[in-house]
N, C-alpha and C. Protein backbone atom coordinates (compact mmCIF):
# COMPACT_ATOMS: atom_id res chain seq x y z
N MET A 1 4.43 7.92 11.21
CA MET A 1 3.76 7.31 10.08
C MET A 1 2.60 8.18 9.62
N ALA A 2 1.83 8.74 10.55
CA ALA A 2 0.72 9.60 10.17
C ALA A 2 1.23 10.85 9.46
N GLU A 3 2.38 11.35 9.92
CA GLU A 3 2.97 12.51 9.27
C GLU A 3 3.36 12.15 7.83
N ASN A 4 3.97 10.98 7.63
CA ASN A 4 4.33 10.54 6.28
C ASN A 4 3.11 10.41 5.40
N SER A 5 2.01 9.95 5.97
CA SER A 5 0.78 9.81 5.21
C SER A 5 0.28 11.17 4.74
N ALA A 6 0.34 12.15 5.60
CA ALA A 6 -0.10 13.50 5.24
C ALA A 6 0.81 14.10 4.17
N ILE A 7 2.11 13.84 4.27
CA ILE A 7 3.06 14.33 3.27
C ILE A 7 2.82 13.63 1.94
N ALA A 8 2.49 12.34 1.99
CA ALA A 8 2.37 11.53 0.78
C ALA A 8 1.15 11.89 -0.07
N LYS A 9 0.07 12.32 0.55
CA LYS A 9 -1.18 12.51 -0.19
C LYS A 9 -1.08 13.48 -1.36
N PRO A 10 -0.48 14.66 -1.22
CA PRO A 10 -0.40 15.55 -2.38
C PRO A 10 0.44 14.97 -3.53
N TYR A 11 1.52 14.28 -3.18
CA TYR A 11 2.35 13.64 -4.20
C TYR A 11 1.55 12.53 -4.90
N ALA A 12 0.84 11.74 -4.11
CA ALA A 12 0.04 10.65 -4.68
C ALA A 12 -1.05 11.20 -5.59
N LYS A 13 -1.68 12.28 -5.18
CA LYS A 13 -2.74 12.87 -5.99
C LYS A 13 -2.19 13.38 -7.32
N ALA A 14 -1.04 14.04 -7.27
CA ALA A 14 -0.42 14.54 -8.50
C ALA A 14 -0.04 13.38 -9.42
N ALA A 15 0.56 12.35 -8.86
CA ALA A 15 0.93 11.17 -9.67
C ALA A 15 -0.31 10.51 -10.23
N PHE A 16 -1.36 10.44 -9.42
CA PHE A 16 -2.61 9.83 -9.87
C PHE A 16 -3.19 10.60 -11.06
N GLU A 17 -3.19 11.91 -10.98
CA GLU A 17 -3.72 12.72 -12.08
C GLU A 17 -2.93 12.50 -13.37
N LEU A 18 -1.60 12.41 -13.26
CA LEU A 18 -0.78 12.13 -14.43
C LEU A 18 -1.10 10.75 -15.00
N ALA A 19 -1.16 9.77 -14.13
CA ALA A 19 -1.40 8.39 -14.56
C ALA A 19 -2.79 8.22 -15.14
N ASN A 20 -3.78 8.83 -14.52
CA ASN A 20 -5.16 8.72 -14.99
C ASN A 20 -5.32 9.37 -16.36
N THR A 21 -4.71 10.54 -16.55
CA THR A 21 -4.75 11.23 -17.83
C THR A 21 -4.13 10.38 -18.94
N ALA A 22 -3.07 9.68 -18.61
CA ALA A 22 -2.38 8.85 -19.59
C ALA A 22 -2.95 7.43 -19.66
N ALA A 23 -3.99 7.15 -18.89
CA ALA A 23 -4.59 5.80 -18.84
C ALA A 23 -3.53 4.76 -18.48
N GLN A 24 -2.72 5.10 -17.45
CA GLN A 24 -1.65 4.20 -17.03
C GLN A 24 -1.69 3.97 -15.51
N LEU A 25 -2.90 3.82 -14.98
CA LEU A 25 -3.03 3.65 -13.54
C LEU A 25 -2.29 2.41 -13.03
N GLN A 26 -2.47 1.30 -13.71
CA GLN A 26 -1.85 0.06 -13.25
C GLN A 26 -0.32 0.14 -13.34
N GLN A 27 0.18 0.71 -14.43
CA GLN A 27 1.63 0.82 -14.60
C GLN A 27 2.24 1.71 -13.51
N TRP A 28 1.59 2.85 -13.23
CA TRP A 28 2.08 3.73 -12.18
C TRP A 28 1.98 3.05 -10.82
N SER A 29 0.90 2.33 -10.59
CA SER A 29 0.74 1.62 -9.32
C SER A 29 1.90 0.66 -9.10
N GLU A 30 2.23 -0.09 -10.12
CA GLU A 30 3.34 -1.05 -10.03
C GLU A 30 4.67 -0.33 -9.85
N ALA A 31 4.86 0.77 -10.57
CA ALA A 31 6.11 1.52 -10.46
C ALA A 31 6.28 2.12 -9.07
N LEU A 32 5.21 2.71 -8.54
CA LEU A 32 5.29 3.30 -7.20
C LEU A 32 5.49 2.23 -6.14
N HIS A 33 4.84 1.09 -6.31
CA HIS A 33 5.03 -0.02 -5.36
C HIS A 33 6.49 -0.46 -5.37
N ALA A 34 7.06 -0.64 -6.56
CA ALA A 34 8.46 -1.06 -6.67
C ALA A 34 9.40 -0.03 -6.07
N ALA A 35 9.13 1.25 -6.32
CA ALA A 35 9.97 2.31 -5.75
C ALA A 35 9.86 2.31 -4.23
N GLY A 36 8.66 2.12 -3.71
CA GLY A 36 8.47 2.06 -2.27
C GLY A 36 9.19 0.88 -1.64
N MET A 37 9.12 -0.26 -2.30
CA MET A 37 9.81 -1.45 -1.78
C MET A 37 11.33 -1.23 -1.82
N THR A 38 11.80 -0.57 -2.86
CA THR A 38 13.23 -0.29 -2.97
C THR A 38 13.69 0.59 -1.83
N VAL A 39 12.94 1.64 -1.55
CA VAL A 39 13.29 2.56 -0.47
C VAL A 39 13.24 1.86 0.89
N ASN A 40 12.36 0.88 1.05
CA ASN A 40 12.27 0.14 2.31
C ASN A 40 13.40 -0.86 2.50
N ASN A 41 14.14 -1.17 1.45
CA ASN A 41 15.27 -2.08 1.55
C ASN A 41 16.30 -1.47 2.50
N ALA A 42 16.82 -2.27 3.41
CA ALA A 42 17.73 -1.77 4.45
C ALA A 42 18.97 -1.11 3.86
N GLN A 43 19.56 -1.72 2.84
CA GLN A 43 20.77 -1.16 2.25
C GLN A 43 20.48 0.16 1.52
N VAL A 44 19.37 0.20 0.80
CA VAL A 44 19.00 1.42 0.09
C VAL A 44 18.67 2.51 1.09
N SER A 45 17.94 2.15 2.14
CA SER A 45 17.58 3.11 3.18
C SER A 45 18.83 3.71 3.82
N ALA A 46 19.83 2.87 4.09
CA ALA A 46 21.09 3.36 4.67
C ALA A 46 21.81 4.27 3.67
N ALA A 47 21.77 3.92 2.41
CA ALA A 47 22.42 4.75 1.38
C ALA A 47 21.73 6.11 1.25
N ILE A 48 20.41 6.12 1.36
CA ILE A 48 19.66 7.38 1.29
C ILE A 48 20.06 8.28 2.45
N ALA A 49 20.24 7.69 3.63
CA ALA A 49 20.57 8.46 4.82
C ALA A 49 22.03 8.94 4.84
N SER A 50 22.88 8.29 4.08
CA SER A 50 24.30 8.61 4.09
C SER A 50 24.58 9.90 3.31
N PRO A 51 25.36 10.80 3.90
CA PRO A 51 25.71 12.02 3.17
C PRO A 51 26.72 11.76 2.05
N HIS A 52 27.31 10.57 2.02
CA HIS A 52 28.32 10.24 1.01
C HIS A 52 27.73 9.61 -0.24
N THR A 53 26.42 9.36 -0.25
CA THR A 53 25.77 8.74 -1.39
C THR A 53 25.59 9.75 -2.51
N ASP A 54 25.88 9.31 -3.72
CA ASP A 54 25.66 10.15 -4.91
C ASP A 54 24.15 10.21 -5.14
N ALA A 55 23.56 11.37 -4.87
CA ALA A 55 22.10 11.53 -4.94
C ALA A 55 21.57 11.22 -6.34
N ALA A 56 22.27 11.67 -7.37
CA ALA A 56 21.80 11.44 -8.74
C ALA A 56 21.78 9.94 -9.06
N ALA A 57 22.80 9.21 -8.60
CA ALA A 57 22.85 7.77 -8.85
C ALA A 57 21.72 7.06 -8.09
N MET A 58 21.43 7.52 -6.88
CA MET A 58 20.34 6.93 -6.09
C MET A 58 19.00 7.16 -6.78
N ILE A 59 18.79 8.38 -7.26
CA ILE A 59 17.54 8.71 -7.97
C ILE A 59 17.41 7.82 -9.20
N ASP A 60 18.50 7.70 -9.96
CA ASP A 60 18.47 6.89 -11.19
C ASP A 60 18.18 5.42 -10.87
N LEU A 61 18.78 4.91 -9.80
CA LEU A 61 18.56 3.51 -9.41
C LEU A 61 17.10 3.26 -9.06
N ILE A 62 16.53 4.11 -8.21
CA ILE A 62 15.14 3.93 -7.79
C ILE A 62 14.20 4.08 -8.99
N ALA A 63 14.45 5.08 -9.83
CA ALA A 63 13.61 5.30 -11.01
C ALA A 63 13.71 4.15 -11.99
N GLU A 64 14.91 3.59 -12.15
CA GLU A 64 15.07 2.46 -13.06
C GLU A 64 14.31 1.23 -12.57
N ILE A 65 14.40 0.95 -11.29
CA ILE A 65 13.67 -0.20 -10.72
C ILE A 65 12.17 0.03 -10.85
N ALA A 66 11.72 1.24 -10.57
CA ALA A 66 10.29 1.57 -10.69
C ALA A 66 9.82 1.42 -12.12
N GLY A 67 10.60 1.92 -13.07
CA GLY A 67 10.22 1.85 -14.48
C GLY A 67 10.19 0.44 -15.02
N GLN A 68 11.16 -0.38 -14.61
CA GLN A 68 11.22 -1.76 -15.09
C GLN A 68 10.04 -2.57 -14.59
N SER A 69 9.68 -2.40 -13.35
CA SER A 69 8.61 -3.23 -12.79
C SER A 69 7.24 -2.73 -13.20
N GLY A 70 7.13 -1.46 -13.51
CA GLY A 70 5.82 -0.90 -13.84
C GLY A 70 5.46 -0.95 -15.30
N GLY A 71 6.39 -1.34 -16.15
CA GLY A 71 6.10 -1.37 -17.57
C GLY A 71 5.78 0.02 -18.10
N ILE A 72 6.43 1.02 -17.54
CA ILE A 72 6.20 2.41 -17.92
C ILE A 72 6.92 2.69 -19.23
N ASP A 73 6.24 3.37 -20.16
CA ASP A 73 6.89 3.74 -21.41
C ASP A 73 7.85 4.90 -21.17
N ALA A 74 8.61 5.27 -22.18
CA ALA A 74 9.67 6.28 -22.02
C ALA A 74 9.12 7.61 -21.49
N GLY A 75 8.02 8.08 -22.03
CA GLY A 75 7.46 9.36 -21.59
C GLY A 75 7.01 9.30 -20.14
N GLN A 76 6.31 8.24 -19.78
CA GLN A 76 5.85 8.10 -18.40
C GLN A 76 7.03 7.84 -17.47
N GLY A 77 8.04 7.12 -17.99
CA GLY A 77 9.22 6.85 -17.18
C GLY A 77 9.91 8.12 -16.74
N SER A 78 9.94 9.12 -17.63
CA SER A 78 10.57 10.38 -17.25
C SER A 78 9.74 11.09 -16.19
N GLN A 79 8.42 10.92 -16.22
CA GLN A 79 7.58 11.52 -15.18
C GLN A 79 7.80 10.84 -13.84
N VAL A 80 7.94 9.52 -13.84
CA VAL A 80 8.24 8.79 -12.61
C VAL A 80 9.61 9.25 -12.10
N HIS A 81 10.57 9.35 -13.00
CA HIS A 81 11.92 9.81 -12.65
C HIS A 81 11.85 11.21 -12.04
N ASN A 82 11.04 12.09 -12.64
CA ASN A 82 10.90 13.46 -12.12
C ASN A 82 10.30 13.46 -10.71
N LEU A 83 9.31 12.59 -10.48
CA LEU A 83 8.71 12.49 -9.15
C LEU A 83 9.75 12.05 -8.13
N ILE A 84 10.53 11.05 -8.47
CA ILE A 84 11.54 10.53 -7.55
C ILE A 84 12.62 11.60 -7.31
N ARG A 85 13.00 12.33 -8.36
CA ARG A 85 13.98 13.41 -8.20
C ARG A 85 13.43 14.50 -7.27
N LEU A 86 12.16 14.86 -7.46
CA LEU A 86 11.53 15.87 -6.62
C LEU A 86 11.51 15.42 -5.16
N LEU A 87 11.17 14.17 -4.93
CA LEU A 87 11.16 13.63 -3.57
C LEU A 87 12.56 13.67 -2.96
N ALA A 88 13.57 13.33 -3.75
CA ALA A 88 14.94 13.35 -3.25
C ALA A 88 15.38 14.77 -2.92
N GLU A 89 15.04 15.72 -3.78
CA GLU A 89 15.41 17.12 -3.53
C GLU A 89 14.78 17.65 -2.25
N ASN A 90 13.57 17.18 -1.95
CA ASN A 90 12.87 17.62 -0.75
C ASN A 90 13.10 16.69 0.44
N LYS A 91 14.07 15.78 0.30
CA LYS A 91 14.41 14.82 1.37
C LYS A 91 13.19 14.01 1.81
N ARG A 92 12.43 13.53 0.81
CA ARG A 92 11.21 12.78 1.12
C ARG A 92 11.15 11.42 0.41
N LEU A 93 12.28 10.89 0.05
CA LEU A 93 12.29 9.57 -0.59
C LEU A 93 11.67 8.50 0.29
N ARG A 94 11.84 8.63 1.60
CA ARG A 94 11.31 7.62 2.53
C ARG A 94 9.78 7.58 2.55
N VAL A 95 9.14 8.56 1.92
CA VAL A 95 7.68 8.63 1.90
C VAL A 95 7.11 7.84 0.71
N LEU A 96 7.98 7.31 -0.15
CA LEU A 96 7.50 6.58 -1.33
C LEU A 96 6.53 5.44 -1.01
N PRO A 97 6.76 4.64 0.04
CA PRO A 97 5.77 3.58 0.34
C PRO A 97 4.38 4.14 0.63
N GLU A 98 4.32 5.25 1.37
CA GLU A 98 3.02 5.86 1.68
C GLU A 98 2.39 6.49 0.44
N ILE A 99 3.23 7.00 -0.46
CA ILE A 99 2.72 7.54 -1.72
C ILE A 99 2.06 6.41 -2.52
N ALA A 100 2.71 5.26 -2.56
CA ALA A 100 2.14 4.11 -3.27
C ALA A 100 0.80 3.69 -2.66
N ILE A 101 0.71 3.71 -1.35
CA ILE A 101 -0.54 3.33 -0.68
C ILE A 101 -1.64 4.34 -0.99
N ALA A 102 -1.32 5.63 -0.89
CA ALA A 102 -2.31 6.66 -1.18
C ALA A 102 -2.72 6.64 -2.65
N PHE A 103 -1.78 6.39 -3.54
CA PHE A 103 -2.08 6.29 -4.96
C PHE A 103 -3.06 5.14 -5.21
N ASN A 104 -2.78 4.00 -4.59
CA ASN A 104 -3.66 2.84 -4.78
C ASN A 104 -5.05 3.05 -4.21
N ALA A 105 -5.16 3.85 -3.16
CA ALA A 105 -6.48 4.18 -2.61
C ALA A 105 -7.27 5.02 -3.62
N LEU A 106 -6.60 5.98 -4.24
CA LEU A 106 -7.25 6.79 -5.28
C LEU A 106 -7.65 5.93 -6.47
N LYS A 107 -6.77 5.02 -6.84
CA LYS A 107 -7.02 4.11 -7.96
C LYS A 107 -8.23 3.21 -7.64
N ALA A 108 -8.30 2.71 -6.43
CA ALA A 108 -9.42 1.85 -6.03
C ALA A 108 -10.74 2.62 -6.07
N ASP A 109 -10.72 3.89 -5.67
CA ASP A 109 -11.94 4.71 -5.73
C ASP A 109 -12.45 4.85 -7.15
N VAL A 110 -11.53 5.12 -8.07
CA VAL A 110 -11.92 5.28 -9.48
C VAL A 110 -12.44 3.96 -10.06
N GLU A 111 -11.83 2.87 -9.63
CA GLU A 111 -12.21 1.56 -10.14
C GLU A 111 -13.39 0.96 -9.38
N ASN A 112 -13.93 1.70 -8.41
CA ASN A 112 -15.05 1.24 -7.58
C ASN A 112 -14.73 -0.13 -6.96
N ARG A 113 -13.55 -0.17 -6.33
CA ARG A 113 -13.03 -1.40 -5.77
C ARG A 113 -12.48 -1.13 -4.38
N VAL A 114 -12.52 -2.12 -3.54
CA VAL A 114 -11.92 -2.01 -2.21
C VAL A 114 -11.04 -3.24 -1.98
N ASP A 115 -9.86 -2.99 -1.43
CA ASP A 115 -8.96 -4.08 -1.08
C ASP A 115 -9.18 -4.42 0.38
N VAL A 116 -9.45 -5.68 0.66
CA VAL A 116 -9.72 -6.14 2.01
C VAL A 116 -8.74 -7.24 2.37
N THR A 117 -8.15 -7.11 3.56
CA THR A 117 -7.29 -8.17 4.07
C THR A 117 -8.06 -8.90 5.16
N LEU A 118 -8.21 -10.18 4.97
CA LEU A 118 -8.89 -11.05 5.94
C LEU A 118 -7.81 -11.90 6.60
N THR A 119 -7.61 -11.68 7.88
CA THR A 119 -6.63 -12.46 8.63
C THR A 119 -7.41 -13.46 9.47
N SER A 120 -7.11 -14.73 9.25
CA SER A 120 -7.86 -15.81 9.89
C SER A 120 -6.92 -16.72 10.66
N ALA A 121 -7.46 -17.35 11.70
CA ALA A 121 -6.67 -18.29 12.49
C ALA A 121 -6.48 -19.61 11.74
N THR A 122 -7.41 -19.93 10.85
CA THR A 122 -7.33 -21.17 10.08
C THR A 122 -7.53 -20.87 8.60
N ALA A 123 -7.11 -21.80 7.76
CA ALA A 123 -7.24 -21.63 6.32
C ALA A 123 -8.72 -21.64 5.92
N LEU A 124 -9.07 -20.81 4.94
CA LEU A 124 -10.44 -20.76 4.43
C LEU A 124 -10.47 -21.35 3.02
N ASP A 125 -11.48 -22.17 2.75
CA ASP A 125 -11.60 -22.71 1.40
C ASP A 125 -12.26 -21.65 0.50
N ALA A 126 -12.34 -21.95 -0.78
CA ALA A 126 -12.88 -20.99 -1.76
C ALA A 126 -14.32 -20.59 -1.46
N ALA A 127 -15.14 -21.55 -1.01
CA ALA A 127 -16.54 -21.25 -0.70
C ALA A 127 -16.65 -20.27 0.47
N GLN A 128 -15.83 -20.47 1.49
CA GLN A 128 -15.84 -19.56 2.64
C GLN A 128 -15.37 -18.16 2.24
N GLN A 129 -14.36 -18.11 1.41
CA GLN A 129 -13.87 -16.82 0.93
C GLN A 129 -14.94 -16.10 0.11
N GLU A 130 -15.67 -16.85 -0.69
CA GLU A 130 -16.73 -16.27 -1.52
C GLU A 130 -17.85 -15.69 -0.65
N ILE A 131 -18.15 -16.34 0.46
CA ILE A 131 -19.15 -15.81 1.39
C ILE A 131 -18.72 -14.43 1.90
N PHE A 132 -17.44 -14.31 2.26
CA PHE A 132 -16.92 -13.02 2.72
C PHE A 132 -16.98 -11.98 1.60
N VAL A 133 -16.60 -12.37 0.40
CA VAL A 133 -16.60 -11.43 -0.74
C VAL A 133 -18.01 -10.90 -0.99
N VAL A 134 -19.00 -11.79 -1.00
CA VAL A 134 -20.39 -11.38 -1.25
C VAL A 134 -20.87 -10.43 -0.15
N ALA A 135 -20.59 -10.78 1.10
CA ALA A 135 -21.02 -9.93 2.22
C ALA A 135 -20.33 -8.57 2.19
N LEU A 136 -19.04 -8.56 1.89
CA LEU A 136 -18.30 -7.31 1.85
C LEU A 136 -18.71 -6.44 0.66
N LYS A 137 -19.00 -7.09 -0.45
CA LYS A 137 -19.46 -6.34 -1.64
C LYS A 137 -20.78 -5.63 -1.31
N LYS A 138 -21.64 -6.32 -0.59
CA LYS A 138 -22.91 -5.72 -0.18
C LYS A 138 -22.66 -4.59 0.82
N ARG A 139 -21.76 -4.80 1.76
CA ARG A 139 -21.46 -3.80 2.80
C ARG A 139 -20.86 -2.52 2.22
N PHE A 140 -19.90 -2.68 1.28
CA PHE A 140 -19.18 -1.53 0.74
C PHE A 140 -19.78 -0.99 -0.56
N GLY A 141 -20.61 -1.78 -1.22
CA GLY A 141 -21.17 -1.36 -2.49
C GLY A 141 -20.11 -1.24 -3.57
N ARG A 142 -19.08 -2.04 -3.48
CA ARG A 142 -17.96 -2.02 -4.42
C ARG A 142 -17.49 -3.44 -4.70
N ASP A 143 -16.72 -3.59 -5.76
CA ASP A 143 -16.06 -4.86 -5.99
C ASP A 143 -15.01 -5.04 -4.90
N VAL A 144 -14.77 -6.28 -4.51
CA VAL A 144 -13.86 -6.57 -3.40
C VAL A 144 -12.71 -7.43 -3.88
N ASN A 145 -11.49 -6.98 -3.59
CA ASN A 145 -10.30 -7.80 -3.79
C ASN A 145 -9.92 -8.33 -2.42
N LEU A 146 -10.11 -9.61 -2.21
CA LEU A 146 -9.87 -10.23 -0.91
C LEU A 146 -8.49 -10.85 -0.87
N ASN A 147 -7.72 -10.45 0.14
CA ASN A 147 -6.40 -11.02 0.38
C ASN A 147 -6.49 -11.77 1.71
N VAL A 148 -6.27 -13.06 1.70
CA VAL A 148 -6.41 -13.88 2.90
C VAL A 148 -5.03 -14.19 3.47
N GLU A 149 -4.89 -13.92 4.78
CA GLU A 149 -3.65 -14.23 5.48
C GLU A 149 -3.97 -15.12 6.67
N LEU A 150 -3.01 -15.94 7.06
CA LEU A 150 -3.16 -16.81 8.22
C LEU A 150 -2.36 -16.26 9.39
N ASP A 151 -2.96 -16.28 10.57
CA ASP A 151 -2.28 -15.87 11.80
C ASP A 151 -2.84 -16.73 12.93
N GLU A 152 -2.10 -17.76 13.27
CA GLU A 152 -2.55 -18.71 14.28
C GLU A 152 -2.65 -18.08 15.67
N THR A 153 -2.02 -16.94 15.88
CA THR A 153 -2.09 -16.29 17.20
C THR A 153 -3.48 -15.71 17.46
N LEU A 154 -4.33 -15.65 16.45
CA LEU A 154 -5.69 -15.16 16.66
C LEU A 154 -6.54 -16.16 17.43
N ILE A 155 -6.07 -17.39 17.55
CA ILE A 155 -6.71 -18.51 18.23
C ILE A 155 -7.92 -19.00 17.45
N GLY A 156 -8.82 -18.11 17.11
CA GLY A 156 -10.01 -18.44 16.33
C GLY A 156 -10.61 -17.16 15.80
N GLY A 157 -11.59 -17.27 14.92
CA GLY A 157 -12.23 -16.09 14.36
C GLY A 157 -11.39 -15.46 13.27
N ALA A 158 -11.65 -14.18 13.00
CA ALA A 158 -10.95 -13.50 11.92
C ALA A 158 -10.92 -12.00 12.17
N LYS A 159 -10.04 -11.34 11.43
CA LYS A 159 -9.93 -9.88 11.48
C LYS A 159 -9.97 -9.38 10.05
N LEU A 160 -10.80 -8.36 9.79
CA LEU A 160 -10.92 -7.76 8.46
C LEU A 160 -10.35 -6.36 8.49
N GLN A 161 -9.62 -5.99 7.44
CA GLN A 161 -9.15 -4.62 7.32
C GLN A 161 -9.37 -4.15 5.90
N ALA A 162 -10.10 -3.04 5.78
CA ALA A 162 -10.35 -2.40 4.49
C ALA A 162 -10.03 -0.93 4.67
N GLY A 163 -8.84 -0.53 4.24
CA GLY A 163 -8.43 0.86 4.46
C GLY A 163 -8.30 1.13 5.94
N ASP A 164 -9.00 2.14 6.43
CA ASP A 164 -8.95 2.51 7.85
C ASP A 164 -9.90 1.68 8.71
N LEU A 165 -10.83 0.98 8.09
CA LEU A 165 -11.81 0.19 8.82
C LEU A 165 -11.23 -1.15 9.23
N VAL A 166 -11.29 -1.45 10.52
CA VAL A 166 -10.83 -2.74 11.04
C VAL A 166 -11.96 -3.36 11.84
N ILE A 167 -12.30 -4.59 11.50
CA ILE A 167 -13.30 -5.35 12.24
C ILE A 167 -12.58 -6.56 12.81
N ASP A 168 -12.42 -6.57 14.12
CA ASP A 168 -11.67 -7.64 14.77
C ASP A 168 -12.63 -8.58 15.49
N GLY A 169 -12.89 -9.71 14.86
CA GLY A 169 -13.75 -10.73 15.44
C GLY A 169 -12.96 -11.93 15.89
N SER A 170 -11.70 -11.70 16.25
CA SER A 170 -10.85 -12.82 16.65
C SER A 170 -11.04 -13.15 18.12
N VAL A 171 -10.76 -14.39 18.46
CA VAL A 171 -10.87 -14.84 19.85
C VAL A 171 -9.84 -14.10 20.70
N SER A 172 -8.65 -13.89 20.16
CA SER A 172 -7.61 -13.21 20.95
C SER A 172 -8.04 -11.78 21.29
N ALA A 173 -8.71 -11.07 20.39
CA ALA A 173 -9.20 -9.72 20.69
C ALA A 173 -10.28 -9.78 21.76
N GLY A 174 -11.15 -10.77 21.67
CA GLY A 174 -12.19 -10.94 22.70
C GLY A 174 -11.60 -11.22 24.06
N LEU A 175 -10.57 -12.06 24.09
CA LEU A 175 -9.90 -12.35 25.36
C LEU A 175 -9.20 -11.12 25.92
N ALA A 176 -8.62 -10.31 25.05
CA ALA A 176 -7.95 -9.08 25.49
C ALA A 176 -8.96 -8.12 26.10
N LYS A 177 -10.13 -8.01 25.50
CA LYS A 177 -11.20 -7.15 26.04
C LYS A 177 -11.67 -7.66 27.39
N LEU A 178 -11.85 -8.98 27.50
CA LEU A 178 -12.28 -9.59 28.75
C LEU A 178 -11.24 -9.35 29.85
N THR A 179 -9.98 -9.55 29.52
CA THR A 179 -8.89 -9.32 30.49
C THR A 179 -8.87 -7.89 30.96
N SER A 180 -9.04 -6.97 30.02
CA SER A 180 -9.07 -5.54 30.36
C SER A 180 -10.24 -5.22 31.29
N SER A 181 -11.40 -5.80 31.00
CA SER A 181 -12.58 -5.57 31.84
C SER A 181 -12.37 -6.12 33.25
N LEU A 182 -11.75 -7.28 33.35
CA LEU A 182 -11.53 -7.89 34.65
C LEU A 182 -10.48 -7.13 35.47
N MET A 183 -9.53 -6.53 34.80
CA MET A 183 -8.47 -5.80 35.48
C MET A 183 -8.94 -4.45 35.99
N ASN A 184 -9.98 -3.90 35.39
CA ASN A 184 -10.46 -2.57 35.79
C ASN A 184 -11.57 -2.67 36.74
């Protein structure tokens, strides 16, 4: 996965520069996300790996799905198609999900925004979520897009993830640390 991330960054940067120049960051973001999801599909993944798959048809399929979901105009659609063709020629179609992630990180930097996933053991109401948003906005100095997920296995507390930063304040993480300390 780390290798895919390293491979994805130059492609993401090139796509970002094209999208930013055309003022189509959101459209490209949606197109790359759709292409990445398509490549992650088990049937598509198997078709990509098969030597019997018509490569041109596979490229056209992925590009069409990406273009439809991203609202890309004809000119930008050909650029997305060219990117997907280039990835296929270099046997790197499987890196599309990481390209989408790296692209969105660049987009978030330009928009002075950070995406944060808050995983909690219990549901949070709007007021509790707002407390997290205010604190995180102060911590990061950016606008915060908060995505809340539930995971009852945390027992209690919460876990925050913003890019590479992970803050694990869950009870299960605390118990794991305690168990490790007692075992050593």
